[in-house]
Amino acid sequence: MFRSGAFVADHIEPTDDEQVQPNGVDLTVDAVFEQVEPGRIGRDGKRVGERETVDVEDGAFHLPPGGYVLRYGETVHIPDGHVGFIYPRSSLMRNSCMLNTAVWDAGYEGRGEGLLQVHHAIEIERDARIAQIVLAEANHEDTYDGSYQGENR
């Protein structure tokens, strides 16, 4: 069962009333990065490639087509007994963009990131609502204790 937006808001900070939706909470964009060096994913570890920060001009990120990593402005706390999913706001899709994310396990805390695919140039203001996080009840054996725990705080 998915939880209400009010429940989700209790696990996201900071939030305001405008971000709380019936079934989740809108996340904002804090920063955008362009990966400039290769990363590596191996059987025994990983390395994230070097990134450059995309500058804000006139209050917005001006993004030509390509792939970008964006950092959310809010700190997320996935509570015990739950799993988090992040979906793009429909305005992104209507502007030829897509947001890809991963499963957010119980116990994760941090300011996460998503992959923004831009298929047609777009301007996105800093602090604009870009995604929505929802929480679903889930059984699990352990809680998250991986290398991204506490990221970007």
N, C-alpha and C. Protein backbone atom coordinates (compact mmCIF):
# COMPACT_ATOMS: atom_id res chain seq x y z
N MET A 1 0.84 -1.18 0.00
CA MET A 1 0.00 0.00 0.00
C MET A 1 0.89 1.25 0.00
N PHE A 2 0.52 2.19 -0.84
CA PHE A 2 1.22 3.46 -0.85
C PHE A 2 0.66 4.34 0.26
N ARG A 3 1.55 5.13 0.85
CA ARG A 3 1.17 5.99 1.97
C ARG A 3 0.69 7.35 1.47
N SER A 4 0.05 8.09 2.32
CA SER A 4 -0.47 9.41 1.96
C SER A 4 0.66 10.42 1.85
N GLY A 5 0.40 11.50 1.14
CA GLY A 5 1.37 12.56 1.04
C GLY A 5 1.74 13.14 2.39
N ALA A 6 0.79 13.23 3.30
CA ALA A 6 1.08 13.76 4.64
C ALA A 6 2.07 12.85 5.38
N PHE A 7 1.91 11.53 5.23
CA PHE A 7 2.85 10.59 5.85
C PHE A 7 4.24 10.77 5.24
N VAL A 8 4.30 10.86 3.91
CA VAL A 8 5.59 11.02 3.23
C VAL A 8 6.26 12.31 3.71
N ALA A 9 5.49 13.39 3.84
CA ALA A 9 6.05 14.69 4.25
C ALA A 9 6.72 14.62 5.61
N ASP A 10 6.26 13.71 6.46
CA ASP A 10 6.89 13.55 7.78
C ASP A 10 8.31 13.00 7.68
N HIS A 11 8.71 12.53 6.49
CA HIS A 11 10.01 11.91 6.30
C HIS A 11 10.89 12.65 5.29
N ILE A 12 10.48 13.86 4.94
CA ILE A 12 11.22 14.70 3.98
C ILE A 12 11.41 16.06 4.63
N GLU A 13 12.64 16.61 4.51
CA GLU A 13 12.87 17.96 5.05
C GLU A 13 13.82 18.74 4.17
N PRO A 14 13.60 20.00 3.98
CA PRO A 14 12.40 20.74 4.35
C PRO A 14 11.29 20.52 3.32
N THR A 15 10.06 20.75 3.72
CA THR A 15 8.93 20.76 2.79
C THR A 15 8.02 21.91 3.15
N ASP A 16 7.25 22.34 2.16
CA ASP A 16 6.20 23.31 2.43
C ASP A 16 4.88 22.72 1.95
N ASP A 17 3.79 23.37 2.29
CA ASP A 17 2.45 22.83 1.98
C ASP A 17 2.26 22.60 0.48
N GLU A 18 2.87 23.43 -0.35
CA GLU A 18 2.72 23.30 -1.80
C GLU A 18 3.32 22.00 -2.33
N GLN A 19 4.33 21.48 -1.65
CA GLN A 19 4.99 20.25 -2.10
C GLN A 19 4.22 18.99 -1.75
N VAL A 20 3.35 19.06 -0.74
CA VAL A 20 2.63 17.87 -0.29
C VAL A 20 1.46 17.62 -1.24
N GLN A 21 1.48 16.42 -1.84
CA GLN A 21 0.45 16.00 -2.78
C GLN A 21 -0.39 14.90 -2.13
N PRO A 22 -1.50 14.50 -2.74
CA PRO A 22 -2.32 13.46 -2.12
C PRO A 22 -1.55 12.16 -1.84
N ASN A 23 -0.62 11.78 -2.73
CA ASN A 23 0.05 10.49 -2.59
C ASN A 23 1.56 10.59 -2.47
N GLY A 24 2.10 11.77 -2.29
CA GLY A 24 3.55 11.90 -2.18
C GLY A 24 3.95 13.32 -1.91
N VAL A 25 5.24 13.58 -2.10
CA VAL A 25 5.79 14.91 -1.88
C VAL A 25 6.66 15.28 -3.07
N ASP A 26 6.47 16.49 -3.57
CA ASP A 26 7.30 16.98 -4.67
C ASP A 26 8.70 17.28 -4.15
N LEU A 27 9.71 16.87 -4.94
CA LEU A 27 11.10 17.20 -4.66
C LEU A 27 11.55 18.29 -5.61
N THR A 28 12.42 19.15 -5.14
CA THR A 28 12.92 20.26 -5.95
C THR A 28 14.34 19.97 -6.43
N VAL A 29 14.75 20.74 -7.43
CA VAL A 29 16.11 20.60 -7.94
C VAL A 29 17.01 21.62 -7.24
N ASP A 30 18.09 21.11 -6.67
CA ASP A 30 19.06 21.96 -5.98
C ASP A 30 20.25 22.26 -6.88
N ALA A 31 20.76 21.23 -7.57
CA ALA A 31 21.95 21.39 -8.40
C ALA A 31 21.86 20.43 -9.58
N VAL A 32 22.55 20.79 -10.65
CA VAL A 32 22.62 19.94 -11.85
C VAL A 32 24.09 19.77 -12.20
N PHE A 33 24.45 18.54 -12.57
CA PHE A 33 25.83 18.21 -12.90
C PHE A 33 25.89 17.54 -14.26
N GLU A 34 27.01 17.74 -14.93
CA GLU A 34 27.30 17.04 -16.18
C GLU A 34 28.51 16.15 -15.94
N GLN A 35 28.37 14.87 -16.19
CA GLN A 35 29.48 13.95 -15.99
C GLN A 35 30.50 14.15 -17.11
N VAL A 36 31.77 14.33 -16.73
CA VAL A 36 32.82 14.64 -17.71
C VAL A 36 33.90 13.56 -17.81
N GLU A 37 33.90 12.62 -16.88
CA GLU A 37 34.86 11.52 -16.89
C GLU A 37 34.10 10.21 -16.71
N PRO A 38 34.63 9.13 -17.27
CA PRO A 38 33.93 7.85 -17.11
C PRO A 38 33.92 7.37 -15.67
N GLY A 39 32.86 6.68 -15.33
CA GLY A 39 32.78 5.99 -14.05
C GLY A 39 33.06 4.51 -14.28
N ARG A 40 32.91 3.73 -13.24
CA ARG A 40 33.13 2.28 -13.38
C ARG A 40 32.26 1.55 -12.38
N ILE A 41 31.61 0.49 -12.86
CA ILE A 41 30.84 -0.39 -11.99
C ILE A 41 31.42 -1.78 -12.16
N GLY A 42 32.00 -2.29 -11.08
CA GLY A 42 32.62 -3.61 -11.10
C GLY A 42 31.92 -4.56 -10.15
N ARG A 43 32.39 -5.77 -10.11
CA ARG A 43 31.83 -6.76 -9.19
C ARG A 43 32.16 -6.44 -7.74
N ASP A 44 33.28 -5.76 -7.52
CA ASP A 44 33.75 -5.50 -6.16
C ASP A 44 33.75 -4.03 -5.80
N GLY A 45 33.03 -3.23 -6.52
CA GLY A 45 33.00 -1.81 -6.18
C GLY A 45 32.56 -0.95 -7.35
N LYS A 46 32.56 0.34 -7.09
CA LYS A 46 32.13 1.29 -8.10
C LYS A 46 32.89 2.59 -7.93
N ARG A 47 32.91 3.36 -9.00
CA ARG A 47 33.50 4.70 -8.97
C ARG A 47 32.61 5.60 -9.82
N VAL A 48 32.16 6.68 -9.23
CA VAL A 48 31.36 7.65 -9.97
C VAL A 48 32.32 8.57 -10.71
N GLY A 49 32.05 8.77 -12.00
CA GLY A 49 32.90 9.65 -12.81
C GLY A 49 32.84 11.09 -12.34
N GLU A 50 33.92 11.82 -12.62
CA GLU A 50 33.97 13.25 -12.26
C GLU A 50 32.83 14.01 -12.92
N ARG A 51 32.36 15.03 -12.21
CA ARG A 51 31.25 15.85 -12.69
C ARG A 51 31.61 17.31 -12.60
N GLU A 52 30.99 18.09 -13.47
CA GLU A 52 31.09 19.55 -13.40
C GLU A 52 29.70 20.10 -13.10
N THR A 53 29.66 21.09 -12.23
CA THR A 53 28.40 21.74 -11.89
C THR A 53 27.92 22.60 -13.05
N VAL A 54 26.66 22.49 -13.38
CA VAL A 54 26.04 23.36 -14.37
C VAL A 54 25.67 24.66 -13.66
N ASP A 55 26.14 25.77 -14.19
CA ASP A 55 25.89 27.07 -13.57
C ASP A 55 24.44 27.51 -13.77
N VAL A 56 23.95 28.27 -12.80
CA VAL A 56 22.64 28.90 -12.90
C VAL A 56 22.82 30.25 -13.58
N GLU A 57 22.05 30.50 -14.62
CA GLU A 57 22.07 31.79 -15.31
C GLU A 57 20.66 32.37 -15.28
N ASP A 58 20.54 33.59 -14.80
CA ASP A 58 19.23 34.24 -14.67
C ASP A 58 18.25 33.37 -13.88
N GLY A 59 18.74 32.70 -12.84
CA GLY A 59 17.90 31.92 -11.95
C GLY A 59 17.54 30.52 -12.43
N ALA A 60 18.10 30.10 -13.59
CA ALA A 60 17.71 28.80 -14.13
C ALA A 60 18.91 28.05 -14.69
N PHE A 61 18.76 26.73 -14.75
CA PHE A 61 19.72 25.89 -15.46
C PHE A 61 19.26 25.84 -16.91
N HIS A 62 20.13 26.21 -17.83
CA HIS A 62 19.82 26.18 -19.26
C HIS A 62 20.47 24.92 -19.81
N LEU A 63 19.64 23.92 -20.14
CA LEU A 63 20.15 22.59 -20.46
C LEU A 63 19.88 22.22 -21.91
N PRO A 64 20.93 22.08 -22.71
CA PRO A 64 20.75 21.54 -24.06
C PRO A 64 20.52 20.03 -23.98
N PRO A 65 20.13 19.39 -25.07
CA PRO A 65 19.92 17.94 -25.03
C PRO A 65 21.15 17.21 -24.49
N GLY A 66 20.89 16.18 -23.69
CA GLY A 66 21.96 15.38 -23.10
C GLY A 66 21.51 14.76 -21.80
N GLY A 67 22.44 14.13 -21.13
CA GLY A 67 22.17 13.50 -19.84
C GLY A 67 22.81 14.29 -18.72
N TYR A 68 22.08 14.48 -17.63
CA TYR A 68 22.55 15.26 -16.49
C TYR A 68 22.18 14.53 -15.20
N VAL A 69 22.97 14.73 -14.17
CA VAL A 69 22.64 14.26 -12.84
C VAL A 69 22.12 15.45 -12.06
N LEU A 70 20.95 15.30 -11.46
CA LEU A 70 20.45 16.40 -10.63
C LEU A 70 20.37 15.95 -9.19
N ARG A 71 20.62 16.89 -8.31
CA ARG A 71 20.53 16.64 -6.86
C ARG A 71 19.27 17.31 -6.35
N TYR A 72 18.54 16.55 -5.56
CA TYR A 72 17.31 17.09 -4.98
C TYR A 72 17.63 18.03 -3.83
N GLY A 73 16.73 18.95 -3.55
CA GLY A 73 16.94 19.93 -2.50
C GLY A 73 16.56 19.45 -1.11
N GLU A 74 15.87 18.33 -1.03
CA GLU A 74 15.36 17.86 0.25
C GLU A 74 16.13 16.63 0.73
N THR A 75 16.20 16.50 2.04
CA THR A 75 16.76 15.30 2.65
C THR A 75 15.62 14.31 2.87
N VAL A 76 15.84 13.09 2.40
CA VAL A 76 14.84 12.03 2.47
C VAL A 76 15.25 11.04 3.55
N HIS A 77 14.29 10.59 4.33
CA HIS A 77 14.48 9.55 5.34
C HIS A 77 13.47 8.45 5.03
N ILE A 78 13.91 7.33 4.47
CA ILE A 78 12.98 6.23 4.18
C ILE A 78 12.77 5.44 5.48
N PRO A 79 11.55 5.43 6.00
CA PRO A 79 11.31 4.79 7.30
C PRO A 79 11.33 3.27 7.21
N ASP A 80 11.55 2.67 8.35
CA ASP A 80 11.49 1.22 8.47
C ASP A 80 10.14 0.73 7.93
N GLY A 81 10.14 -0.40 7.26
CA GLY A 81 8.90 -0.97 6.75
C GLY A 81 8.40 -0.33 5.48
N HIS A 82 9.26 0.45 4.79
CA HIS A 82 8.85 1.17 3.58
C HIS A 82 9.94 1.12 2.52
N VAL A 83 9.55 1.42 1.30
CA VAL A 83 10.46 1.58 0.18
C VAL A 83 10.01 2.85 -0.57
N GLY A 84 10.97 3.60 -1.09
CA GLY A 84 10.66 4.84 -1.79
C GLY A 84 10.84 4.71 -3.28
N PHE A 85 9.94 5.36 -4.01
CA PHE A 85 10.03 5.46 -5.47
C PHE A 85 9.89 6.92 -5.85
N ILE A 86 10.68 7.34 -6.82
CA ILE A 86 10.60 8.72 -7.29
C ILE A 86 10.17 8.71 -8.76
N TYR A 87 9.22 9.56 -9.05
CA TYR A 87 8.68 9.66 -10.41
C TYR A 87 8.84 11.10 -10.89
N PRO A 88 9.00 11.29 -12.21
CA PRO A 88 9.09 12.65 -12.73
C PRO A 88 7.73 13.34 -12.65
N ARG A 89 7.75 14.64 -12.50
CA ARG A 89 6.51 15.39 -12.64
C ARG A 89 6.14 15.40 -14.12
N SER A 90 4.87 15.44 -14.41
CA SER A 90 4.42 15.34 -15.80
C SER A 90 4.92 16.49 -16.66
N SER A 91 5.22 17.64 -16.05
CA SER A 91 5.73 18.78 -16.82
C SER A 91 7.05 18.45 -17.51
N LEU A 92 7.86 17.59 -16.89
CA LEU A 92 9.11 17.17 -17.53
C LEU A 92 8.82 16.41 -18.81
N MET A 93 7.95 15.42 -18.74
CA MET A 93 7.64 14.61 -19.91
C MET A 93 7.02 15.45 -21.02
N ARG A 94 6.21 16.41 -20.64
CA ARG A 94 5.56 17.27 -21.63
C ARG A 94 6.55 18.23 -22.29
N ASN A 95 7.75 18.30 -21.71
CA ASN A 95 8.82 19.12 -22.29
C ASN A 95 9.97 18.26 -22.81
N SER A 96 9.66 17.01 -23.19
CA SER A 96 10.63 16.10 -23.81
C SER A 96 11.80 15.76 -22.90
N CYS A 97 11.54 15.65 -21.60
CA CYS A 97 12.56 15.27 -20.63
C CYS A 97 12.06 14.08 -19.82
N MET A 98 12.99 13.33 -19.25
CA MET A 98 12.64 12.19 -18.42
C MET A 98 13.60 12.12 -17.25
N LEU A 99 13.11 11.64 -16.13
CA LEU A 99 13.92 11.48 -14.92
C LEU A 99 13.96 10.01 -14.57
N ASN A 100 15.16 9.46 -14.45
CA ASN A 100 15.34 8.07 -14.05
C ASN A 100 15.92 8.02 -12.65
N THR A 101 15.39 7.09 -11.86
CA THR A 101 15.86 6.95 -10.48
C THR A 101 15.95 5.47 -10.14
N ALA A 102 16.44 5.18 -8.96
CA ALA A 102 16.56 3.82 -8.46
C ALA A 102 15.62 3.63 -7.28
N VAL A 103 15.51 2.41 -6.82
CA VAL A 103 14.73 2.11 -5.61
C VAL A 103 15.45 2.73 -4.41
N TRP A 104 14.69 3.30 -3.50
CA TRP A 104 15.24 3.88 -2.28
C TRP A 104 14.84 2.97 -1.13
N ASP A 105 15.81 2.24 -0.60
CA ASP A 105 15.57 1.22 0.42
C ASP A 105 15.26 1.81 1.78
N ALA A 106 14.55 0.99 2.57
CA ALA A 106 14.29 1.34 3.98
C ALA A 106 15.61 1.65 4.67
N GLY A 107 15.61 2.73 5.45
CA GLY A 107 16.81 3.12 6.20
C GLY A 107 17.68 4.14 5.48
N TYR A 108 17.45 4.37 4.17
CA TYR A 108 18.27 5.37 3.45
C TYR A 108 17.95 6.75 4.00
N GLU A 109 19.01 7.55 4.15
CA GLU A 109 18.87 8.97 4.50
C GLU A 109 19.86 9.75 3.67
N GLY A 110 19.41 10.84 3.08
CA GLY A 110 20.30 11.70 2.33
C GLY A 110 19.56 12.56 1.33
N ARG A 111 20.34 13.35 0.63
CA ARG A 111 19.81 14.16 -0.48
C ARG A 111 20.25 13.46 -1.76
N GLY A 112 19.36 12.69 -2.30
CA GLY A 112 19.67 11.83 -3.43
C GLY A 112 19.77 12.55 -4.75
N GLU A 113 20.00 11.74 -5.77
CA GLU A 113 20.21 12.24 -7.13
C GLU A 113 19.38 11.42 -8.11
N GLY A 114 19.14 12.00 -9.26
CA GLY A 114 18.44 11.33 -10.35
C GLY A 114 19.10 11.67 -11.67
N LEU A 115 18.84 10.85 -12.68
CA LEU A 115 19.37 11.08 -14.02
C LEU A 115 18.32 11.79 -14.85
N LEU A 116 18.63 12.99 -15.29
CA LEU A 116 17.73 13.78 -16.11
C LEU A 116 18.13 13.63 -17.57
N GLN A 117 17.23 13.09 -18.37
CA GLN A 117 17.44 12.99 -19.82
C GLN A 117 16.72 14.16 -20.48
N VAL A 118 17.47 14.98 -21.19
CA VAL A 118 16.91 16.13 -21.86
C VAL A 118 16.94 15.85 -23.36
N HIS A 119 15.75 15.73 -23.96
CA HIS A 119 15.66 15.44 -25.39
C HIS A 119 15.44 16.69 -26.22
N HIS A 120 15.07 17.77 -25.58
CA HIS A 120 14.91 19.07 -26.24
C HIS A 120 15.30 20.11 -25.20
N ALA A 121 16.02 21.12 -25.62
CA ALA A 121 16.53 22.13 -24.68
C ALA A 121 15.42 22.61 -23.73
N ILE A 122 15.84 22.86 -22.47
CA ILE A 122 14.88 23.29 -21.45
C ILE A 122 15.58 24.19 -20.45
N GLU A 123 14.81 25.06 -19.83
CA GLU A 123 15.28 25.87 -18.71
C GLU A 123 14.54 25.39 -17.46
N ILE A 124 15.29 25.10 -16.42
CA ILE A 124 14.69 24.66 -15.15
C ILE A 124 15.22 25.56 -14.05
N GLU A 125 14.32 26.25 -13.38
CA GLU A 125 14.73 27.13 -12.29
C GLU A 125 15.20 26.31 -11.09
N ARG A 126 16.22 26.82 -10.41
CA ARG A 126 16.64 26.21 -9.14
C ARG A 126 15.44 26.26 -8.19
N ASP A 127 15.26 25.20 -7.43
CA ASP A 127 14.17 25.03 -6.47
C ASP A 127 12.82 24.73 -7.12
N ALA A 128 12.80 24.53 -8.45
CA ALA A 128 11.55 24.13 -9.11
C ALA A 128 11.21 22.69 -8.70
N ARG A 129 9.93 22.42 -8.60
CA ARG A 129 9.48 21.06 -8.29
C ARG A 129 9.66 20.20 -9.54
N ILE A 130 10.43 19.12 -9.40
CA ILE A 130 10.84 18.34 -10.57
C ILE A 130 10.42 16.88 -10.50
N ALA A 131 10.18 16.37 -9.30
CA ALA A 131 9.87 14.95 -9.11
C ALA A 131 8.91 14.80 -7.94
N GLN A 132 8.36 13.59 -7.81
CA GLN A 132 7.51 13.29 -6.66
C GLN A 132 7.97 11.96 -6.06
N ILE A 133 8.18 11.96 -4.76
CA ILE A 133 8.53 10.73 -4.05
C ILE A 133 7.29 10.16 -3.40
N VAL A 134 7.14 8.85 -3.52
CA VAL A 134 6.07 8.12 -2.86
C VAL A 134 6.69 7.03 -2.01
N LEU A 135 6.00 6.65 -0.95
CA LEU A 135 6.46 5.58 -0.08
C LEU A 135 5.42 4.47 -0.07
N ALA A 136 5.91 3.25 -0.18
CA ALA A 136 5.04 2.08 -0.11
C ALA A 136 5.50 1.21 1.06
N GLU A 137 4.54 0.58 1.71
CA GLU A 137 4.89 -0.36 2.76
C GLU A 137 5.60 -1.55 2.12
N ALA A 138 6.65 -2.06 2.78
CA ALA A 138 7.42 -3.16 2.21
C ALA A 138 8.06 -3.99 3.31
N ASN A 139 8.08 -5.27 3.11
CA ASN A 139 8.82 -6.16 4.01
C ASN A 139 10.29 -6.09 3.64
N HIS A 140 11.16 -6.23 4.63
CA HIS A 140 12.60 -6.26 4.36
C HIS A 140 13.30 -6.94 5.51
N GLU A 141 14.48 -7.47 5.21
CA GLU A 141 15.27 -8.15 6.23
C GLU A 141 16.19 -7.18 6.96
N ASP A 142 16.79 -6.27 6.22
CA ASP A 142 17.73 -5.30 6.78
C ASP A 142 17.35 -3.91 6.30
N THR A 143 18.08 -2.91 6.75
CA THR A 143 17.90 -1.55 6.24
C THR A 143 19.17 -1.13 5.50
N TYR A 144 19.02 -0.08 4.70
CA TYR A 144 20.12 0.38 3.85
C TYR A 144 21.31 0.85 4.69
N ASP A 145 22.49 0.39 4.31
CA ASP A 145 23.72 0.82 4.96
C ASP A 145 24.84 0.87 3.92
N GLY A 146 24.51 1.36 2.74
CA GLY A 146 25.47 1.38 1.65
C GLY A 146 26.28 2.66 1.58
N SER A 147 27.05 2.77 0.52
CA SER A 147 28.00 3.88 0.39
C SER A 147 27.34 5.23 0.15
N TYR A 148 26.05 5.25 -0.20
CA TYR A 148 25.38 6.53 -0.42
C TYR A 148 24.60 7.01 0.82
N GLN A 149 24.71 6.27 1.91
CA GLN A 149 24.03 6.67 3.13
C GLN A 149 24.54 8.04 3.59
N GLY A 150 23.63 8.98 3.81
CA GLY A 150 23.99 10.32 4.26
C GLY A 150 24.54 11.22 3.17
N GLU A 151 24.37 10.84 1.91
CA GLU A 151 24.97 11.61 0.81
C GLU A 151 24.43 13.03 0.70
N ASN A 152 25.29 13.93 0.27
CA ASN A 152 24.95 15.32 -0.08
C ASN A 152 24.31 16.10 1.05
N ARG A 153 24.65 15.78 2.28
CA ARG A 153 24.04 16.51 3.40
C ARG A 153 24.88 17.69 3.79
